[in-house]
Amino acid sequence: SVLLGAAIAPLTWLVAREATGRMTLPAGRRT
């Protein structure tokens, strides 16, 4: 459960990175 559950952190990062890519935000704020 620990190993599988830890995958949620990079998955959430991926969701957020795509979301910020659709917005006109400076690179620092997107990161």
PDB file of all heavy atoms in Angstrom:
ATOM      1  N   SER A   1       0.825  -1.207   0.000  1.00  0.00           N
ATOM      2  CA  SER A   1       0.000   0.000   0.000  1.00  0.00           C
ATOM      3  C   SER A   1       0.863   1.261   0.000  1.00  0.00           C
ATOM      4  O   SER A   1       0.538   2.250  -0.662  1.00  0.00           O
ATOM      5  CB  SER A   1      -0.920  -0.012   1.218  1.00  0.00           C
ATOM      6  OG  SER A   1      -1.808   1.083   1.213  1.00  0.00           O
ATOM      7  N   VAL A   2       1.987   1.230   0.732  1.00  0.00           N
ATOM      8  CA  VAL A   2       2.883   2.379   0.793  1.00  0.00           C
ATOM      9  C   VAL A   2       3.489   2.663  -0.573  1.00  0.00           C
ATOM     10  O   VAL A   2       3.509   3.811  -1.053  1.00  0.00           O
ATOM     11  CB  VAL A   2       3.988   2.136   1.840  1.00  0.00           C
ATOM     12  CG1 VAL A   2       5.137   3.128   1.658  1.00  0.00           C
ATOM     13  CG2 VAL A   2       3.425   2.261   3.242  1.00  0.00           C
ATOM     14  N   LEU A   3       3.998   1.624  -1.237  1.00  0.00           N
ATOM     15  CA  LEU A   3       4.659   1.823  -2.525  1.00  0.00           C
ATOM     16  C   LEU A   3       3.673   2.289  -3.592  1.00  0.00           C
ATOM     17  O   LEU A   3       3.980   3.189  -4.381  1.00  0.00           O
ATOM     18  CB  LEU A   3       5.339   0.522  -2.956  1.00  0.00           C
ATOM     19  CG  LEU A   3       6.527   0.075  -2.091  1.00  0.00           C
ATOM     20  CD1 LEU A   3       7.068  -1.252  -2.580  1.00  0.00           C
ATOM     21  CD2 LEU A   3       7.614   1.132  -2.087  1.00  0.00           C
ATOM     22  N   LEU A   4       2.502   1.678  -3.633  1.00  0.00           N
ATOM     23  CA  LEU A   4       1.506   2.098  -4.623  1.00  0.00           C
ATOM     24  C   LEU A   4       0.976   3.484  -4.292  1.00  0.00           C
ATOM     25  O   LEU A   4       0.841   4.342  -5.173  1.00  0.00           O
ATOM     26  CB  LEU A   4       0.367   1.091  -4.685  1.00  0.00           C
ATOM     27  CG  LEU A   4      -0.738   1.394  -5.714  1.00  0.00           C
ATOM     28  CD1 LEU A   4      -0.175   1.405  -7.130  1.00  0.00           C
ATOM     29  CD2 LEU A   4      -1.890   0.382  -5.603  1.00  0.00           C
ATOM     30  N   GLY A   5       0.685   3.722  -3.017  1.00  0.00           N
ATOM     31  CA  GLY A   5       0.113   5.012  -2.627  1.00  0.00           C
ATOM     32  C   GLY A   5       1.034   6.177  -2.862  1.00  0.00           C
ATOM     33  O   GLY A   5       0.575   7.297  -3.110  1.00  0.00           O
ATOM     34  N   ALA A   6       2.349   5.939  -2.806  1.00  0.00           N
ATOM     35  CA  ALA A   6       3.300   7.035  -3.012  1.00  0.00           C
ATOM     36  C   ALA A   6       3.241   7.579  -4.429  1.00  0.00           C
ATOM     37  O   ALA A   6       3.669   8.720  -4.675  1.00  0.00           O
ATOM     38  CB  ALA A   6       4.718   6.554  -2.698  1.00  0.00           C
ATOM     39  N   ALA A   7       2.712   6.815  -5.364  1.00  0.00           N
ATOM     40  CA  ALA A   7       2.628   7.274  -6.753  1.00  0.00           C
ATOM     41  C   ALA A   7       1.697   8.465  -6.912  1.00  0.00           C
ATOM     42  O   ALA A   7       1.735   9.152  -7.941  1.00  0.00           O
ATOM     43  CB  ALA A   7       2.170   6.130  -7.659  1.00  0.00           C
ATOM     44  N   ILE A   8       0.858   8.746  -5.903  1.00  0.00           N
ATOM     45  CA  ILE A   8      -0.080   9.853  -6.047  1.00  0.00           C
ATOM     46  C   ILE A   8       0.634  11.197  -6.091  1.00  0.00           C
ATOM     47  O   ILE A   8       0.124  12.153  -6.698  1.00  0.00           O
ATOM     48  CB  ILE A   8      -1.127   9.843  -4.902  1.00  0.00           C
ATOM     49  CG1 ILE A   8      -2.331  10.704  -5.288  1.00  0.00           C
ATOM     50  CG2 ILE A   8      -0.519  10.304  -3.592  1.00  0.00           C
ATOM     51  CD1 ILE A   8      -3.005  10.311  -6.573  1.00  0.00           C
ATOM     52  N   ALA A   9       1.820  11.301  -5.498  1.00  0.00           N
ATOM     53  CA  ALA A   9       2.536  12.584  -5.514  1.00  0.00           C
ATOM     54  C   ALA A   9       2.972  12.963  -6.927  1.00  0.00           C
ATOM     55  O   ALA A   9       2.653  14.074  -7.395  1.00  0.00           O
ATOM     56  CB  ALA A   9       3.733  12.527  -4.560  1.00  0.00           C
ATOM     57  N   PRO A  10       3.694  12.108  -7.672  1.00  0.00           N
ATOM     58  CA  PRO A  10       4.032  12.487  -9.052  1.00  0.00           C
ATOM     59  C   PRO A  10       2.810  12.570  -9.959  1.00  0.00           C
ATOM     60  O   PRO A  10       2.793  13.380 -10.892  1.00  0.00           O
ATOM     61  CB  PRO A  10       4.996  11.384  -9.503  1.00  0.00           C
ATOM     62  CG  PRO A  10       4.800  10.256  -8.567  1.00  0.00           C
ATOM     63  CD  PRO A  10       4.382  10.866  -7.270  1.00  0.00           C
ATOM     64  N   LEU A  11       1.783  11.767  -9.709  1.00  0.00           N
ATOM     65  CA  LEU A  11       0.578  11.868 -10.532  1.00  0.00           C
ATOM     66  C   LEU A  11      -0.100  13.227 -10.337  1.00  0.00           C
ATOM     67  O   LEU A  11      -0.564  13.844 -11.310  1.00  0.00           O
ATOM     68  CB  LEU A  11      -0.396  10.737 -10.183  1.00  0.00           C
ATOM     69  CG  LEU A  11      -0.040   9.338 -10.678  1.00  0.00           C
ATOM     70  CD1 LEU A  11      -1.049   8.316 -10.159  1.00  0.00           C
ATOM     71  CD2 LEU A  11       0.022   9.283 -12.198  1.00  0.00           C
ATOM     72  N   THR A  12      -0.174  13.696  -9.118  1.00  0.00           N
ATOM     73  CA  THR A  12      -0.773  15.016  -8.854  1.00  0.00           C
ATOM     74  C   THR A  12       0.064  16.113  -9.483  1.00  0.00           C
ATOM     75  O   THR A  12      -0.471  17.086 -10.038  1.00  0.00           O
ATOM     76  CB  THR A  12      -0.905  15.238  -7.340  1.00  0.00           C
ATOM     77  OG1 THR A  12      -1.648  14.163  -6.762  1.00  0.00           O
ATOM     78  CG2 THR A  12      -1.617  16.549  -7.047  1.00  0.00           C
ATOM     79  N   TRP A  13       1.381  15.988  -9.395  1.00  0.00           N
ATOM     80  CA  TRP A  13       2.271  16.942 -10.074  1.00  0.00           C
ATOM     81  C   TRP A  13       1.978  16.977 -11.565  1.00  0.00           C
ATOM     82  O   TRP A  13       1.954  18.051 -12.177  1.00  0.00           O
ATOM     83  CB  TRP A  13       3.721  16.536  -9.809  1.00  0.00           C
ATOM     84  CG  TRP A  13       4.728  17.218 -10.665  1.00  0.00           C
ATOM     85  CD1 TRP A  13       5.247  18.461 -10.490  1.00  0.00           C
ATOM     86  CD2 TRP A  13       5.355  16.694 -11.851  1.00  0.00           C
ATOM     87  NE1 TRP A  13       6.160  18.752 -11.487  1.00  0.00           N
ATOM     88  CE2 TRP A  13       6.242  17.696 -12.330  1.00  0.00           C
ATOM     89  CE3 TRP A  13       5.258  15.493 -12.539  1.00  0.00           C
ATOM     90  CZ2 TRP A  13       7.021  17.500 -13.471  1.00  0.00           C
ATOM     91  CZ3 TRP A  13       6.033  15.300 -13.677  1.00  0.00           C
ATOM     92  CH2 TRP A  13       6.892  16.291 -14.140  1.00  0.00           C
ATOM     93  N   LEU A  14       1.745  15.815 -12.161  1.00  0.00           N
ATOM     94  CA  LEU A  14       1.465  15.751 -13.596  1.00  0.00           C
ATOM     95  C   LEU A  14       0.149  16.446 -13.934  1.00  0.00           C
ATOM     96  O   LEU A  14       0.052  17.183 -14.923  1.00  0.00           O
ATOM     97  CB  LEU A  14       1.422  14.289 -14.044  1.00  0.00           C
ATOM     98  CG  LEU A  14       1.424  14.012 -15.547  1.00  0.00           C
ATOM     99  CD1 LEU A  14       2.678  14.559 -16.196  1.00  0.00           C
ATOM    100  CD2 LEU A  14       1.305  12.497 -15.798  1.00  0.00           C
ATOM    101  N   VAL A  15      -0.879  16.221 -13.106  1.00  0.00           N
ATOM    102  CA  VAL A  15      -2.164  16.891 -13.318  1.00  0.00           C
ATOM    103  C   VAL A  15      -1.998  18.400 -13.227  1.00  0.00           C
ATOM    104  O   VAL A  15      -2.516  19.165 -14.057  1.00  0.00           O
ATOM    105  CB  VAL A  15      -3.203  16.393 -12.289  1.00  0.00           C
ATOM    106  CG1 VAL A  15      -4.494  17.214 -12.385  1.00  0.00           C
ATOM    107  CG2 VAL A  15      -3.504  14.918 -12.488  1.00  0.00           C
ATOM    108  N   ALA A  16      -1.246  18.864 -12.213  1.00  0.00           N
ATOM    109  CA  ALA A  16      -1.057  20.302 -12.024  1.00  0.00           C
ATOM    110  C   ALA A  16      -0.214  20.908 -13.137  1.00  0.00           C
ATOM    111  O   ALA A  16      -0.472  22.036 -13.579  1.00  0.00           O
ATOM    112  CB  ALA A  16      -0.409  20.562 -10.666  1.00  0.00           C
ATOM    113  N   ARG A  17       0.783  20.180 -13.601  1.00  0.00           N
ATOM    114  CA  ARG A  17       1.632  20.717 -14.668  1.00  0.00           C
ATOM    115  C   ARG A  17       0.831  20.919 -15.947  1.00  0.00           C
ATOM    116  O   ARG A  17       0.977  21.929 -16.642  1.00  0.00           O
ATOM    117  CB  ARG A  17       2.813  19.780 -14.932  1.00  0.00           C
ATOM    118  CG  ARG A  17       3.869  20.399 -15.828  1.00  0.00           C
ATOM    119  CD  ARG A  17       5.052  19.494 -16.027  1.00  0.00           C
ATOM    120  NE  ARG A  17       4.722  18.345 -16.862  1.00  0.00           N
ATOM    121  CZ  ARG A  17       5.636  17.594 -17.485  1.00  0.00           C
ATOM    122  NH1 ARG A  17       6.927  17.870 -17.337  1.00  0.00           N
ATOM    123  NH2 ARG A  17       5.276  16.566 -18.218  1.00  0.00           N
ATOM    124  N   GLU A  18      -0.056  19.968 -16.258  1.00  0.00           N
ATOM    125  CA  GLU A  18      -0.899  20.138 -17.442  1.00  0.00           C
ATOM    126  C   GLU A  18      -1.862  21.304 -17.254  1.00  0.00           C
ATOM    127  O   GLU A  18      -2.097  22.089 -18.177  1.00  0.00           O
ATOM    128  CB  GLU A  18      -1.674  18.859 -17.731  1.00  0.00           C
ATOM    129  CG  GLU A  18      -2.531  18.958 -18.981  1.00  0.00           C
ATOM    130  CD  GLU A  18      -3.602  17.884 -19.065  1.00  0.00           C
ATOM    131  OE1 GLU A  18      -4.052  17.397 -17.999  1.00  0.00           O
ATOM    132  OE2 GLU A  18      -4.002  17.549 -20.183  1.00  0.00           O
ATOM    133  N   ALA A  19      -2.413  21.425 -16.045  1.00  0.00           N
ATOM    134  CA  ALA A  19      -3.377  22.499 -15.782  1.00  0.00           C
ATOM    135  C   ALA A  19      -2.735  23.871 -15.920  1.00  0.00           C
ATOM    136  O   ALA A  19      -3.303  24.786 -16.538  1.00  0.00           O
ATOM    137  CB  ALA A  19      -3.969  22.330 -14.385  1.00  0.00           C
ATOM    138  N   THR A  20      -1.545  24.036 -15.350  1.00  0.00           N
ATOM    139  CA  THR A  20      -0.878  25.339 -15.446  1.00  0.00           C
ATOM    140  C   THR A  20      -0.414  25.628 -16.868  1.00  0.00           C
ATOM    141  O   THR A  20      -0.288  26.796 -17.254  1.00  0.00           O
ATOM    142  CB  THR A  20       0.329  25.394 -14.499  1.00  0.00           C
ATOM    143  OG1 THR A  20       1.221  24.304 -14.802  1.00  0.00           O
ATOM    144  CG2 THR A  20      -0.112  25.287 -13.059  1.00  0.00           C
ATOM    145  N   GLY A  21      -0.160  24.584 -17.651  1.00  0.00           N
ATOM    146  CA  GLY A  21       0.243  24.789 -19.033  1.00  0.00           C
ATOM    147  C   GLY A  21      -0.850  25.401 -19.880  1.00  0.00           C
ATOM    148  O   GLY A  21      -0.562  25.976 -20.947  1.00  0.00           O
ATOM    149  N   ARG A  22      -2.101  25.298 -19.442  1.00  0.00           N
ATOM    150  CA  ARG A  22      -3.218  25.907 -20.173  1.00  0.00           C
ATOM    151  C   ARG A  22      -3.477  27.345 -19.740  1.00  0.00           C
ATOM    152  O   ARG A  22      -4.394  27.981 -20.256  1.00  0.00           O
ATOM    153  CB  ARG A  22      -4.490  25.075 -19.954  1.00  0.00           C
ATOM    154  CG  ARG A  22      -4.386  23.625 -20.409  1.00  0.00           C
ATOM    155  CD  ARG A  22      -4.094  23.541 -21.899  1.00  0.00           C
ATOM    156  NE  ARG A  22      -4.054  22.172 -22.363  1.00  0.00           N
ATOM    157  CZ  ARG A  22      -5.088  21.526 -22.891  1.00  0.00           C
ATOM    158  NH1 ARG A  22      -6.254  22.145 -23.002  1.00  0.00           N
ATOM    159  NH2 ARG A  22      -4.960  20.285 -23.297  1.00  0.00           N
ATOM    160  N   MET A  23      -2.688  27.837 -18.794  1.00  0.00           N
ATOM    161  CA  MET A  23      -2.909  29.175 -18.269  1.00  0.00           C
ATOM    162  C   MET A  23      -1.705  30.060 -18.588  1.00  0.00           C
ATOM    163  O   MET A  23      -0.576  29.574 -18.725  1.00  0.00           O
ATOM    164  CB  MET A  23      -3.139  29.123 -16.753  1.00  0.00           C
ATOM    165  CG  MET A  23      -4.264  28.173 -16.340  1.00  0.00           C
ATOM    166  SD  MET A  23      -4.427  27.992 -14.550  1.00  0.00           S
ATOM    167  CE  MET A  23      -5.056  29.609 -14.111  1.00  0.00           C
ATOM    168  N   THR A  24      -1.939  31.349 -18.693  1.00  0.00           N
ATOM    169  CA  THR A  24      -0.862  32.301 -19.009  1.00  0.00           C
ATOM    170  C   THR A  24      -0.165  32.721 -17.722  1.00  0.00           C
ATOM    171  O   THR A  24      -0.297  33.854 -17.248  1.00  0.00           O
ATOM    172  CB  THR A  24      -1.434  33.526 -19.732  1.00  0.00           C
ATOM    173  OG1 THR A  24      -2.467  34.103 -18.924  1.00  0.00           O
ATOM    174  CG2 THR A  24      -2.000  33.140 -21.087  1.00  0.00           C
ATOM    175  N   LEU A  25       0.588  31.776 -17.153  1.00  0.00           N
ATOM    176  CA  LEU A  25       1.313  32.044 -15.920  1.00  0.00           C
ATOM    177  C   LEU A  25       2.809  32.079 -16.203  1.00  0.00           C
ATOM    178  O   LEU A  25       3.296  31.342 -17.059  1.00  0.00           O
ATOM    179  CB  LEU A  25       1.023  30.956 -14.878  1.00  0.00           C
ATOM    180  CG  LEU A  25      -0.405  30.815 -14.372  1.00  0.00           C
ATOM    181  CD1 LEU A  25      -0.492  29.661 -13.386  1.00  0.00           C
ATOM    182  CD2 LEU A  25      -0.883  32.099 -13.729  1.00  0.00           C
ATOM    183  N   PRO A  26       3.560  32.905 -15.478  1.00  0.00           N
ATOM    184  CA  PRO A  26       5.022  32.868 -15.606  1.00  0.00           C
ATOM    185  C   PRO A  26       5.553  31.492 -15.231  1.00  0.00           C
ATOM    186  O   PRO A  26       4.928  30.740 -14.470  1.00  0.00           O
ATOM    187  CB  PRO A  26       5.491  33.942 -14.616  1.00  0.00           C
ATOM    188  CG  PRO A  26       4.302  34.827 -14.417  1.00  0.00           C
ATOM    189  CD  PRO A  26       3.107  33.955 -14.561  1.00  0.00           C
ATOM    190  N   ALA A  27       6.716  31.163 -15.757  1.00  0.00           N
ATOM    191  CA  ALA A  27       7.282  29.839 -15.545  1.00  0.00           C
ATOM    192  C   ALA A  27       7.479  29.525 -14.069  1.00  0.00           C
ATOM    193  O   ALA A  27       7.235  28.402 -13.614  1.00  0.00           O
ATOM    194  CB  ALA A  27       8.608  29.720 -16.296  1.00  0.00           C
ATOM    195  N   GLY A  28       7.918  30.523 -13.297  1.00  0.00           N
ATOM    196  CA  GLY A  28       8.140  30.295 -11.879  1.00  0.00           C
ATOM    197  C   GLY A  28       6.869  29.931 -11.139  1.00  0.00           C
ATOM    198  O   GLY A  28       6.868  29.044 -10.274  1.00  0.00           O
ATOM    199  N   ARG A  29       5.777  30.574 -11.477  1.00  0.00           N
ATOM    200  CA  ARG A  29       4.504  30.267 -10.822  1.00  0.00           C
ATOM    201  C   ARG A  29       3.978  28.910 -11.259  1.00  0.00           C
ATOM    202  O   ARG A  29       3.400  28.171 -10.452  1.00  0.00           O
ATOM    203  CB  ARG A  29       3.485  31.371 -11.128  1.00  0.00           C
ATOM    204  CG  ARG A  29       3.773  32.687 -10.408  1.00  0.00           C
ATOM    205  CD  ARG A  29       2.833  33.787 -10.860  1.00  0.00           C
ATOM    206  NE  ARG A  29       1.436  33.444 -10.610  1.00  0.00           N
ATOM    207  CZ  ARG A  29       0.398  34.178 -11.052  1.00  0.00           C
ATOM    208  NH1 ARG A  29       0.638  35.279 -11.780  1.00  0.00           N
ATOM    209  NH2 ARG A  29      -0.833  33.808 -10.783  1.00  0.00           N
ATOM    210  N   ARG A  30       4.160  28.553 -12.524  1.00  0.00           N
ATOM    211  CA  ARG A  30       3.735  27.229 -12.981  1.00  0.00           C
ATOM    212  C   ARG A  30       4.482  26.131 -12.220  1.00  0.00           C
ATOM    213  O   ARG A  30       3.886  25.143 -11.778  1.00  0.00           O
ATOM    214  CB  ARG A  30       3.964  27.079 -14.482  1.00  0.00           C
ATOM    215  CG  ARG A  30       3.069  27.936 -15.351  1.00  0.00           C
ATOM    216  CD  ARG A  30       3.000  27.391 -16.766  1.00  0.00           C
ATOM    217  NE  ARG A  30       4.318  27.301 -17.387  1.00  0.00           N
ATOM    218  CZ  ARG A  30       4.868  28.257 -18.107  1.00  0.00           C
ATOM    219  NH1 ARG A  30       4.209  29.403 -18.294  1.00  0.00           N
ATOM    220  NH2 ARG A  30       6.056  28.101 -18.654  1.00  0.00           N
ATOM    221  N   THR A  31       5.781  26.328 -12.074  1.00  0.00           N
ATOM    222  CA  THR A  31       6.580  25.347 -11.336  1.00  0.00           C
ATOM    223  C   THR A  31       6.142  25.255  -9.886  1.00  0.00           C
ATOM    224  O   THR A  31       6.016  24.149  -9.321  1.00  0.00           O
ATOM    225  CB  THR A  31       8.074  25.712 -11.410  1.00  0.00           C
ATOM    226  OG1 THR A  31       8.487  25.724 -12.774  1.00  0.00           O
ATOM    227  CG2 THR A  31       8.917  24.720 -10.629  1.00  0.00           C
TER     228      THR A  31
END
